[in-house]
PDB file of N, CA and C in Angstrom:
ATOM      1  N   UNK A   1       0.987  -0.828   0.039  1.00  0.00           N
ATOM      2  CA  UNK A   1       0.255  -0.104   0.189  1.00  0.00           C
ATOM      3  C   UNK A   1       1.154   0.915  -0.015  1.00  0.00           C
ATOM      4  N   UNK A   2       0.807   1.755  -0.710  1.00  0.00           N
ATOM      5  CA  UNK A   2       1.170   3.792  -0.463  1.00  0.00           C
ATOM      6  C   UNK A   2       1.199   4.426  -1.949  1.00  0.00           C
ATOM      7  N   UNK A   3       2.048   5.668  -2.133  1.00  0.00           N
ATOM      8  CA  UNK A   3       1.643   6.275  -2.650  1.00  0.00           C
ATOM      9  C   UNK A   3       2.358   6.343  -3.834  1.00  0.00           C
ATOM     10  N   UNK A   4       2.876   6.383  -5.042  1.00  0.00           N
ATOM     11  CA  UNK A   4       4.686   6.735  -4.897  1.00  0.00           C
ATOM     12  C   UNK A   4       3.757   8.180  -6.940  1.00  0.00           C
ATOM     13  N   UNK A   5       4.287   8.720  -5.802  1.00  0.00           N
ATOM     14  CA  UNK A   5       4.830  10.523  -6.873  1.00  0.00           C
ATOM     15  C   UNK A   5       6.300   9.988  -6.810  1.00  0.00           C
ATOM     16  N   UNK A   6       6.242  11.369  -8.418  1.00  0.00           N
ATOM     17  CA  UNK A   6       8.023  11.186  -8.676  1.00  0.00           C
ATOM     18  C   UNK A   6       7.999  12.737  -9.174  1.00  0.00           C
ATOM     19  N   UNK A   7       8.808  13.492  -8.719  1.00  0.00           N
ATOM     20  CA  UNK A   7       9.053  14.743  -8.215  1.00  0.00           C
ATOM     21  C   UNK A   7      10.463  14.725  -9.805  1.00  0.00           C
ATOM     22  N   UNK A   8       9.867  15.577 -10.759  1.00  0.00           N
ATOM     23  CA  UNK A   8      10.936  15.818 -12.166  1.00  0.00           C
ATOM     24  C   UNK A   8      11.848  17.038 -12.233  1.00  0.00           C
ATOM     25  N   UNK A   9      12.773  17.490 -12.396  1.00  0.00           N
ATOM     26  CA  UNK A   9      13.330  18.966 -12.189  1.00  0.00           C
ATOM     27  C   UNK A   9      13.963  19.208 -14.487  1.00  0.00           C
ATOM     28  N   UNK A  10      13.641  17.434 -15.242  1.00  0.00           N
ATOM     29  CA  UNK A  10      13.380  17.851 -16.272  1.00  0.00           C
ATOM     30  C   UNK A  10      11.806  16.549 -17.022  1.00  0.00           C
ATOM     31  N   UNK A  11      11.882  17.240 -18.313  1.00  0.00           N
ATOM     32  CA  UNK A  11      10.704  16.443 -18.955  1.00  0.00           C
ATOM     33  C   UNK A  11      11.495  15.713 -19.809  1.00  0.00           C
ATOM     34  N   UNK A  12      11.077  14.541 -19.449  1.00  0.00           N
ATOM     35  CA  UNK A  12      11.865  12.947 -20.071  1.00  0.00           C
ATOM     36  C   UNK A  12      10.249  13.126 -22.338  1.00  0.00           C
ATOM     37  N   UNK A  13      10.360  12.993 -23.010  1.00  0.00           N
ATOM     38  CA  UNK A  13       8.764  11.583 -23.640  1.00  0.00           C
ATOM     39  C   UNK A  13      10.241  11.503 -24.870  1.00  0.00           C
ATOM     40  N   UNK A  14       9.161  10.516 -24.163  1.00  0.00           N
ATOM     41  CA  UNK A  14       9.574   8.888 -25.501  1.00  0.00           C
ATOM     42  C   UNK A  14       8.740   8.632 -26.395  1.00  0.00           C
ATOM     43  N   UNK A  15       7.530   9.135 -26.068  1.00  0.00           N
ATOM     44  CA  UNK A  15       6.830   8.906 -27.962  1.00  0.00           C
ATOM     45  C   UNK A  15       6.349  10.237 -27.928  1.00  0.00           C
ATOM     46  N   UNK A  16       5.358  10.933 -27.874  1.00  0.00           N
ATOM     47  CA  UNK A  16       5.300  12.275 -27.550  1.00  0.00           C
ATOM     48  C   UNK A  16       5.841  13.449 -28.073  1.00  0.00           C
ATOM     49  N   UNK A  17       7.824  12.773 -28.428  1.00  0.00           N
ATOM     50  CA  UNK A  17       8.162  14.033 -28.856  1.00  0.00           C
ATOM     51  C   UNK A  17       8.498  14.344 -30.166  1.00  0.00           C
ATOM     52  N   UNK A  18       7.815  15.993 -29.720  1.00  0.00           N
ATOM     53  CA  UNK A  18       7.703  16.570 -31.167  1.00  0.00           C
ATOM     54  C   UNK A  18       8.869  16.383 -32.325  1.00  0.00           C
ATOM     55  N   UNK A  19       8.538  17.016 -33.303  1.00  0.00           N
ATOM     56  CA  UNK A  19       9.005  16.730 -34.441  1.00  0.00           C
ATOM     57  C   UNK A  19       8.974  17.717 -34.483  1.00  0.00           C
ATOM     58  N   UNK A  20       9.479  18.891 -34.391  1.00  0.00           N
ATOM     59  CA  UNK A  20       9.321  20.611 -34.840  1.00  0.00           C
ATOM     60  C   UNK A  20      10.096  21.353 -33.485  1.00  0.00           C
ATOM     61  N   UNK A  21      10.873  21.255 -32.793  1.00  0.00           N
ATOM     62  CA  UNK A  21      10.592  22.213 -31.671  1.00  0.00           C
ATOM     63  C   UNK A  21      11.082  24.221 -31.459  1.00  0.00           C
ATOM     64  N   UNK A  22       9.489  24.694 -31.551  1.00  0.00           N
ATOM     65  CA  UNK A  22      10.115  26.280 -32.400  1.00  0.00           C
ATOM     66  C   UNK A  22       9.845  26.903 -30.856  1.00  0.00           C
ATOM     67  N   UNK A  23      10.218  27.721 -30.744  1.00  0.00           N
ATOM     68  CA  UNK A  23      10.682  29.081 -29.484  1.00  0.00           C
ATOM     69  C   UNK A  23       9.273  29.776 -29.408  1.00  0.00           C
ATOM     70  N   UNK A  24       8.459  29.305 -28.674  1.00  0.00           N
ATOM     71  CA  UNK A  24       7.571  30.717 -28.265  1.00  0.00           C
ATOM     72  C   UNK A  24       6.310  29.530 -28.210  1.00  0.00           C
ATOM     73  N   UNK A  25       6.069  28.659 -29.137  1.00  0.00           N
ATOM     74  CA  UNK A  25       4.694  27.321 -28.409  1.00  0.00           C
ATOM     75  C   UNK A  25       4.561  26.938 -27.662  1.00  0.00           C
ATOM     76  N   UNK A  26       3.585  26.595 -27.357  1.00  0.00           N
ATOM     77  CA  UNK A  26       3.107  26.445 -26.675  1.00  0.00           C
ATOM     78  C   UNK A  26       2.384  24.001 -27.345  1.00  0.00           C
ATOM     79  N   UNK A  27       3.068  22.934 -25.996  1.00  0.00           N
ATOM     80  CA  UNK A  27       3.361  21.626 -26.623  1.00  0.00           C
ATOM     81  C   UNK A  27       2.407  21.105 -25.409  1.00  0.00           C
ATOM     82  N   UNK A  28       1.778  20.116 -26.040  1.00  0.00           N
ATOM     83  CA  UNK A  28       1.180  19.321 -24.444  1.00  0.00           C
ATOM     84  C   UNK A  28       1.672  18.150 -23.889  1.00  0.00           C
ATOM     85  N   UNK A  29       1.608  17.428 -23.658  1.00  0.00           N
ATOM     86  CA  UNK A  29       2.205  16.191 -23.028  1.00  0.00           C
ATOM     87  C   UNK A  29       1.273  15.053 -21.977  1.00  0.00           C
ATOM     88  N   UNK A  30       1.938  14.257 -21.625  1.00  0.00           N
ATOM     89  CA  UNK A  30       0.953  13.145 -21.116  1.00  0.00           C
ATOM     90  C   UNK A  30       2.211  12.152 -20.694  1.00  0.00           C
ATOM     91  N   UNK A  31       2.583  12.013 -19.700  1.00  0.00           N
ATOM     92  CA  UNK A  31       3.112  10.622 -19.163  1.00  0.00           C
ATOM     93  C   UNK A  31       2.277   9.594 -18.016  1.00  0.00           C
ATOM     94  N   UNK A  32       2.841   8.684 -18.037  1.00  0.00           N
ATOM     95  CA  UNK A  32       2.139   7.632 -16.850  1.00  0.00           C
ATOM     96  C   UNK A  32       2.740   7.309 -15.700  1.00  0.00           C
ATOM     97  N   UNK A  33       1.811   7.692 -13.818  1.00  0.00           N
ATOM     98  CA  UNK A  33       1.545   7.654 -13.237  1.00  0.00           C
ATOM     99  C   UNK A  33       1.883   9.278 -13.009  1.00  0.00           C
ATOM    100  N   UNK A  34       1.731   8.912 -11.248  1.00  0.00           N
ATOM    101  CA  UNK A  34       1.571  11.199 -11.429  1.00  0.00           C
ATOM    102  C   UNK A  34       3.649  11.052 -11.320  1.00  0.00           C
ATOM    103  N   UNK A  35       3.604  12.511 -12.011  1.00  0.00           N
ATOM    104  CA  UNK A  35       4.936  13.462 -10.981  1.00  0.00           C
ATOM    105  C   UNK A  35       4.538  14.363 -10.944  1.00  0.00           C
ATOM    106  N   UNK A  36       5.038  15.714 -10.299  1.00  0.00           N
ATOM    107  CA  UNK A  36       5.039  16.169  -9.786  1.00  0.00           C
ATOM    108  C   UNK A  36       6.404  17.706 -10.864  1.00  0.00           C
ATOM    109  N   UNK A  37       5.890  18.798 -12.014  1.00  0.00           N
ATOM    110  CA  UNK A  37       6.803  19.349 -12.355  1.00  0.00           C
ATOM    111  C   UNK A  37       6.547  20.817 -11.502  1.00  0.00           C
ATOM    112  N   UNK A  38       8.399  21.365 -11.620  1.00  0.00           N
ATOM    113  CA  UNK A  38       8.153  22.394 -10.889  1.00  0.00           C
ATOM    114  C   UNK A  38       6.541  23.778 -12.383  1.00  0.00           C
ATOM    115  N   UNK A  39       6.722  24.131 -12.105  1.00  0.00           N
ATOM    116  CA  UNK A  39       5.784  25.565 -12.926  1.00  0.00           C
ATOM    117  C   UNK A  39       6.203  26.679 -12.801  1.00  0.00           C
ATOM    118  N   UNK A  40       6.282  26.956 -14.333  1.00  0.00           N
ATOM    119  CA  UNK A  40       7.053  28.724 -13.496  1.00  0.00           C
ATOM    120  C   UNK A  40       8.567  28.856 -14.143  1.00  0.00           C
ATOM    121  N   UNK A  41       9.234  27.796 -13.623  1.00  0.00           N
ATOM    122  CA  UNK A  41      10.203  28.073 -13.529  1.00  0.00           C
ATOM    123  C   UNK A  41      11.084  27.068 -14.969  1.00  0.00           C
ATOM    124  N   UNK A  42      12.534  27.599 -14.939  1.00  0.00           N
ATOM    125  CA  UNK A  42      12.506  26.918 -16.681  1.00  0.00           C
ATOM    126  C   UNK A  42      13.200  25.349 -16.253  1.00  0.00           C
ATOM    127  N   UNK A  43      12.821  24.068 -17.140  1.00  0.00           N
ATOM    128  CA  UNK A  43      13.197  23.089 -16.727  1.00  0.00           C
ATOM    129  C   UNK A  43      13.672  22.411 -18.430  1.00  0.00           C
ATOM    130  N   UNK A  44      14.867  21.479 -18.550  1.00  0.00           N
ATOM    131  CA  UNK A  44      15.713  20.432 -19.156  1.00  0.00           C
ATOM    132  C   UNK A  44      15.056  19.740 -19.646  1.00  0.00           C
ATOM    133  N   UNK A  45      14.152  19.632 -21.600  1.00  0.00           N
ATOM    134  CA  UNK A  45      13.312  18.955 -22.578  1.00  0.00           C
ATOM    135  C   UNK A  45      14.598  18.202 -22.930  1.00  0.00           C
ATOM    136  N   UNK A  46      13.856  16.757 -22.251  1.00  0.00           N
ATOM    137  CA  UNK A  46      14.944  15.467 -23.211  1.00  0.00           C
ATOM    138  C   UNK A  46      14.125  15.106 -24.118  1.00  0.00           C
ATOM    139  N   UNK A  47      14.976  14.423 -24.877  1.00  0.00           N
ATOM    140  CA  UNK A  47      14.017  13.294 -26.257  1.00  0.00           C
ATOM    141  C   UNK A  47      14.126  11.641 -25.087  1.00  0.00           C
ATOM    142  N   UNK A  48      13.814  10.803 -26.367  1.00  0.00           N
ATOM    143  CA  UNK A  48      13.870   9.443 -24.860  1.00  0.00           C
ATOM    144  C   UNK A  48      15.077   9.030 -24.725  1.00  0.00           C
ATOM    145  N   UNK A  49      16.109   9.528 -25.660  1.00  0.00           N
ATOM    146  CA  UNK A  49      18.220   8.974 -24.906  1.00  0.00           C
ATOM    147  C   UNK A  49      18.608   9.556 -24.423  1.00  0.00           C
ATOM    148  N   UNK A  50      17.804  10.606 -23.508  1.00  0.00           N
ATOM    149  CA  UNK A  50      18.684  12.110 -22.125  1.00  0.00           C
ATOM    150  C   UNK A  50      18.936  13.391 -23.136  1.00  0.00           C
ATOM    151  N   UNK A  51      19.407  13.205 -24.428  1.00  0.00           N
ATOM    152  CA  UNK A  51      19.293  13.409 -25.009  1.00  0.00           C
ATOM    153  C   UNK A  51      18.460  15.630 -24.893  1.00  0.00           C
ATOM    154  N   UNK A  52      20.241  16.655 -24.198  1.00  0.00           N
ATOM    155  CA  UNK A  52      19.278  17.994 -23.607  1.00  0.00           C
ATOM    156  C   UNK A  52      18.651  18.562 -25.869  1.00  0.00           C
ATOM    157  N   UNK A  53      17.296  19.015 -25.227  1.00  0.00           N
ATOM    158  CA  UNK A  53      16.945  19.922 -26.572  1.00  0.00           C
ATOM    159  C   UNK A  53      16.428  21.461 -26.327  1.00  0.00           C
ATOM    160  N   UNK A  54      15.644  21.731 -25.666  1.00  0.00           N
ATOM    161  CA  UNK A  54      15.398  22.980 -25.202  1.00  0.00           C
ATOM    162  C   UNK A  54      15.277  22.952 -23.796  1.00  0.00           C
ATOM    163  N   UNK A  55      15.035  24.898 -23.172  1.00  0.00           N
ATOM    164  CA  UNK A  55      14.936  25.302 -22.420  1.00  0.00           C
ATOM    165  C   UNK A  55      13.477  25.565 -22.020  1.00  0.00           C
ATOM    166  N   UNK A  56      12.560  25.023 -21.012  1.00  0.00           N
ATOM    167  CA  UNK A  56      11.149  24.836 -20.845  1.00  0.00           C
ATOM    168  C   UNK A  56      10.332  25.419 -19.443  1.00  0.00           C
ATOM    169  N   UNK A  57       9.654  26.041 -20.106  1.00  0.00           N
ATOM    170  CA  UNK A  57       8.355  26.306 -18.433  1.00  0.00           C
ATOM    171  C   UNK A  57       7.210  25.061 -18.930  1.00  0.00           C
ATOM    172  N   UNK A  58       6.882  24.488 -18.108  1.00  0.00           N
ATOM    173  CA  UNK A  58       5.503  23.665 -17.803  1.00  0.00           C
ATOM    174  C   UNK A  58       4.756  25.141 -17.118  1.00  0.00           C
ATOM    175  N   UNK A  59       3.429  24.583 -18.252  1.00  0.00           N
ATOM    176  CA  UNK A  59       2.212  26.005 -17.470  1.00  0.00           C
ATOM    177  C   UNK A  59       1.334  25.362 -16.815  1.00  0.00           C
ATOM    178  N   UNK A  60       0.948  24.404 -16.894  1.00  0.00           N
ATOM    179  CA  UNK A  60      -0.103  23.384 -16.868  1.00  0.00           C
ATOM    180  C   UNK A  60       0.011  22.873 -16.442  1.00  0.00           C
ATOM    181  N   UNK A  61      -0.154  21.641 -15.568  1.00  0.00           N
ATOM    182  CA  UNK A  61      -0.176  19.780 -15.223  1.00  0.00           C
ATOM    183  C   UNK A  61      -1.845  19.186 -14.743  1.00  0.00           C
ATOM    184  N   UNK A  62      -1.924  18.436 -15.254  1.00  0.00           N
ATOM    185  CA  UNK A  62      -3.480  17.817 -14.387  1.00  0.00           C
ATOM    186  C   UNK A  62      -2.997  16.261 -13.513  1.00  0.00           C
ATOM    187  N   UNK A  63      -3.436  15.951 -13.051  1.00  0.00           N
ATOM    188  CA  UNK A  63      -2.644  14.378 -12.145  1.00  0.00           C
ATOM    189  C   UNK A  63      -4.226  14.359 -12.182  1.00  0.00           C
ATOM    190  N   UNK A  64      -4.350  12.709 -12.151  1.00  0.00           N
ATOM    191  CA  UNK A  64      -5.406  11.533 -12.006  1.00  0.00           C
ATOM    192  C   UNK A  64      -4.539  10.169 -11.668  1.00  0.00           C
ATOM    193  N   UNK A  65      -5.068   9.494 -11.182  1.00  0.00           N
ATOM    194  CA  UNK A  65      -4.252   8.605 -10.142  1.00  0.00           C
ATOM    195  C   UNK A  65      -3.569   7.622 -11.815  1.00  0.00           C
ATOM    196  N   UNK A  66      -3.185   7.796 -13.133  1.00  0.00           N
ATOM    197  CA  UNK A  66      -3.563   6.886 -13.814  1.00  0.00           C
ATOM    198  C   UNK A  66      -1.987   7.691 -14.708  1.00  0.00           C
ATOM    199  N   UNK A  67      -2.446   8.512 -14.802  1.00  0.00           N
ATOM    200  CA  UNK A  67      -1.671  10.072 -15.388  1.00  0.00           C
ATOM    201  C   UNK A  67      -0.898  10.809 -15.132  1.00  0.00           C
ATOM    202  N   UNK A  68       0.044  11.779 -15.669  1.00  0.00           N
ATOM    203  CA  UNK A  68       0.559  13.206 -16.132  1.00  0.00           C
ATOM    204  C   UNK A  68       0.371  13.466 -16.876  1.00  0.00           C
ATOM    205  N   UNK A  69      -0.905  14.949 -17.369  1.00  0.00           N
ATOM    206  CA  UNK A  69      -0.846  15.675 -18.356  1.00  0.00           C
ATOM    207  C   UNK A  69      -1.020  17.110 -18.381  1.00  0.00           C
ATOM    208  N   UNK A  70      -0.409  17.753 -18.753  1.00  0.00           N
ATOM    209  CA  UNK A  70       0.416  19.377 -18.998  1.00  0.00           C
ATOM    210  C   UNK A  70       1.094  19.812 -20.308  1.00  0.00           C
ATOM    211  N   UNK A  71       0.702  21.263 -20.294  1.00  0.00           N
ATOM    212  CA  UNK A  71       1.915  22.103 -21.083  1.00  0.00           C
ATOM    213  C   UNK A  71       2.901  22.624 -21.190  1.00  0.00           C
ATOM    214  N   UNK A  72       3.596  22.662 -22.072  1.00  0.00           N
ATOM    215  CA  UNK A  72       5.199  23.548 -22.347  1.00  0.00           C
ATOM    216  C   UNK A  72       5.173  24.823 -22.646  1.00  0.00           C
ATOM    217  N   UNK A  73       5.943  25.636 -22.836  1.00  0.00           N
ATOM    218  CA  UNK A  73       7.055  25.840 -23.836  1.00  0.00           C
ATOM    219  C   UNK A  73       7.786  26.054 -24.213  1.00  0.00           C
ATOM    220  N   UNK A  74       8.759  26.666 -25.270  1.00  0.00           N
ATOM    221  CA  UNK A  74      10.033  26.297 -25.383  1.00  0.00           C
ATOM    222  C   UNK A  74      10.154  27.874 -25.426  1.00  0.00           C
ATOM    223  N   UNK A  75      11.379  28.470 -24.690  1.00  0.00           N
ATOM    224  CA  UNK A  75      11.811  29.360 -24.078  1.00  0.00           C
ATOM    225  C   UNK A  75      13.116  29.542 -24.706  1.00  0.00           C
ATOM    226  N   UNK A  76      13.356  28.869 -25.640  1.00  0.00           N
ATOM    227  CA  UNK A  76      15.249  28.526 -25.777  1.00  0.00           C
ATOM    228  C   UNK A  76      15.442  26.830 -26.254  1.00  0.00           C
ATOM    229  N   UNK A  77      16.041  26.681 -27.986  1.00  0.00           N
ATOM    230  CA  UNK A  77      16.137  26.063 -28.202  1.00  0.00           C
ATOM    231  C   UNK A  77      17.335  25.608 -28.418  1.00  0.00           C
ATOM    232  N   UNK A  78      17.646  24.602 -27.568  1.00  0.00           N
ATOM    233  CA  UNK A  78      19.784  23.738 -28.154  1.00  0.00           C
ATOM    234  C   UNK A  78      19.893  24.433 -28.914  1.00  0.00           C
ATOM    235  N   UNK A  79      21.483  25.262 -29.570  1.00  0.00           N
ATOM    236  CA  UNK A  79      22.342  24.379 -30.097  1.00  0.00           C
ATOM    237  C   UNK A  79      22.530  23.511 -29.855  1.00  0.00           C
ATOM    238  N   UNK A  80      23.593  22.766 -31.292  1.00  0.00           N
ATOM    239  CA  UNK A  80      23.924  21.557 -30.770  1.00  0.00           C
ATOM    240  C   UNK A  80      25.455  21.875 -30.165  1.00  0.00           C
ATOM    241  N   UNK A  81      26.375  22.326 -29.848  1.00  0.00           N
ATOM    242  CA  UNK A  81      27.197  22.476 -28.712  1.00  0.00           C
ATOM    243  C   UNK A  81      26.983  22.590 -27.538  1.00  0.00           C
ATOM    244  N   UNK A  82      25.405  23.359 -27.384  1.00  0.00           N
ATOM    245  CA  UNK A  82      25.234  23.141 -25.851  1.00  0.00           C
ATOM    246  C   UNK A  82      24.209  21.745 -26.024  1.00  0.00           C
ATOM    247  N   UNK A  83      23.491  21.194 -26.901  1.00  0.00           N
ATOM    248  CA  UNK A  83      23.672  19.586 -26.499  1.00  0.00           C
ATOM    249  C   UNK A  83      24.192  19.228 -25.899  1.00  0.00           C
ATOM    250  N   UNK A  84      26.226  19.144 -26.934  1.00  0.00           N
ATOM    251  CA  UNK A  84      27.176  18.224 -25.761  1.00  0.00           C
ATOM    252  C   UNK A  84      26.544  18.403 -24.969  1.00  0.00           C
ATOM    253  N   UNK A  85      27.467  19.525 -24.768  1.00  0.00           N
ATOM    254  CA  UNK A  85      28.053  20.048 -23.219  1.00  0.00           C
ATOM    255  C   UNK A  85      26.759  18.893 -22.272  1.00  0.00           C
ATOM    256  N   UNK A  86      25.634  19.967 -22.829  1.00  0.00           N
ATOM    257  CA  UNK A  86      24.696  19.511 -21.183  1.00  0.00           C
ATOM    258  C   UNK A  86      24.678  17.241 -21.641  1.00  0.00           C
ATOM    259  N   UNK A  87      23.977  17.024 -22.509  1.00  0.00           N
ATOM    260  CA  UNK A  87      24.640  15.337 -22.575  1.00  0.00           C
ATOM    261  C   UNK A  87      25.832  15.075 -21.534  1.00  0.00           C
ATOM    262  N   UNK A  88      26.870  15.282 -22.052  1.00  0.00           N
ATOM    263  CA  UNK A  88      27.512  15.275 -21.303  1.00  0.00           C
ATOM    264  C   UNK A  88      28.119  15.162 -19.393  1.00  0.00           C
ATOM    265  N   UNK A  89      27.323  16.657 -19.047  1.00  0.00           N
ATOM    266  CA  UNK A  89      26.942  16.769 -16.964  1.00  0.00           C
ATOM    267  C   UNK A  89      26.355  16.121 -17.747  1.00  0.00           C
ATOM    268  N   UNK A  90      25.338  15.888 -18.312  1.00  0.00           N
ATOM    269  CA  UNK A  90      23.846  14.146 -17.870  1.00  0.00           C
ATOM    270  C   UNK A  90      24.495  13.266 -17.493  1.00  0.00           C
ATOM    271  N   UNK A  91      25.192  13.608 -19.109  1.00  0.00           N
ATOM    272  CA  UNK A  91      25.542  11.072 -18.564  1.00  0.00           C
ATOM    273  C   UNK A  91      26.648  11.172 -17.775  1.00  0.00           C
ATOM    274  N   UNK A  92      27.418  12.306 -16.958  1.00  0.00           N
ATOM    275  CA  UNK A  92      28.644  11.720 -15.895  1.00  0.00           C
ATOM    276  C   UNK A  92      27.237  11.608 -14.963  1.00  0.00           C
ATOM    277  N   UNK A  93      26.009  12.838 -14.050  1.00  0.00           N
ATOM    278  CA  UNK A  93      25.318  12.554 -12.774  1.00  0.00           C
ATOM    279  C   UNK A  93      24.555  11.105 -13.686  1.00  0.00           C
ATOM    280  N   UNK A  94      24.378  10.304 -13.810  1.00  0.00           N
ATOM    281  CA  UNK A  94      23.473   8.972 -14.293  1.00  0.00           C
ATOM    282  C   UNK A  94      24.217   7.971 -13.806  1.00  0.00           C
ATOM    283  N   UNK A  95      25.244   7.979 -14.468  1.00  0.00           N
ATOM    284  CA  UNK A  95      26.833   7.464 -14.187  1.00  0.00           C
ATOM    285  C   UNK A  95      27.204   7.429 -12.869  1.00  0.00           C
ATOM    286  N   UNK A  96      27.606   8.458 -12.062  1.00  0.00           N
ATOM    287  CA  UNK A  96      27.810   8.358 -10.864  1.00  0.00           C
ATOM    288  C   UNK A  96      26.538   8.000  -9.822  1.00  0.00           C
ATOM    289  N   UNK A  97      25.220   7.490 -10.108  1.00  0.00           N
ATOM    290  CA  UNK A  97      23.995   8.352  -9.567  1.00  0.00           C
ATOM    291  C   UNK A  97      24.019   6.744  -9.987  1.00  0.00           C
ATOM    292  N   UNK A  98      24.580   5.941 -10.333  1.00  0.00           N
ATOM    293  CA  UNK A  98      23.861   4.780 -10.871  1.00  0.00           C
ATOM    294  C   UNK A  98      25.147   3.601  -9.998  1.00  0.00           C
ATOM    295  N   UNK A  99      25.995   4.673 -10.103  1.00  0.00           N
ATOM    296  CA  UNK A  99      27.354   3.600  -8.979  1.00  0.00           C
ATOM    297  C   UNK A  99      26.650   3.364  -7.187  1.00  0.00           C
ATOM    298  N   UNK A 100      25.979   4.307  -7.209  1.00  0.00           N
ATOM    299  CA  UNK A 100      25.942   4.920  -5.803  1.00  0.00           C
ATOM    300  C   UNK A 100      24.828   3.609  -5.459  1.00  0.00           C
TER     301      UNK A 100
END
């Protein structure tokens, strides 16, 4: 018995990743389970492989017992060098966390 909730500071989209990321555009997302994201604070948007793609702000979140739905807007799209640097940071963090 219990209640599982994830607190996330990165939005990782797998199935519904936008085909084209446009700064200023609003997008919808859905994730399974209950997840809490900061609203009104910039966080990273990553693809299914955890590759950083953009900086976003989550504007709306709705939770029920099966899913989390929400909307976000893109405030900055990463360039190739930024993606590479950020991916190296994420990768190092994931490896270090996994080893503990």
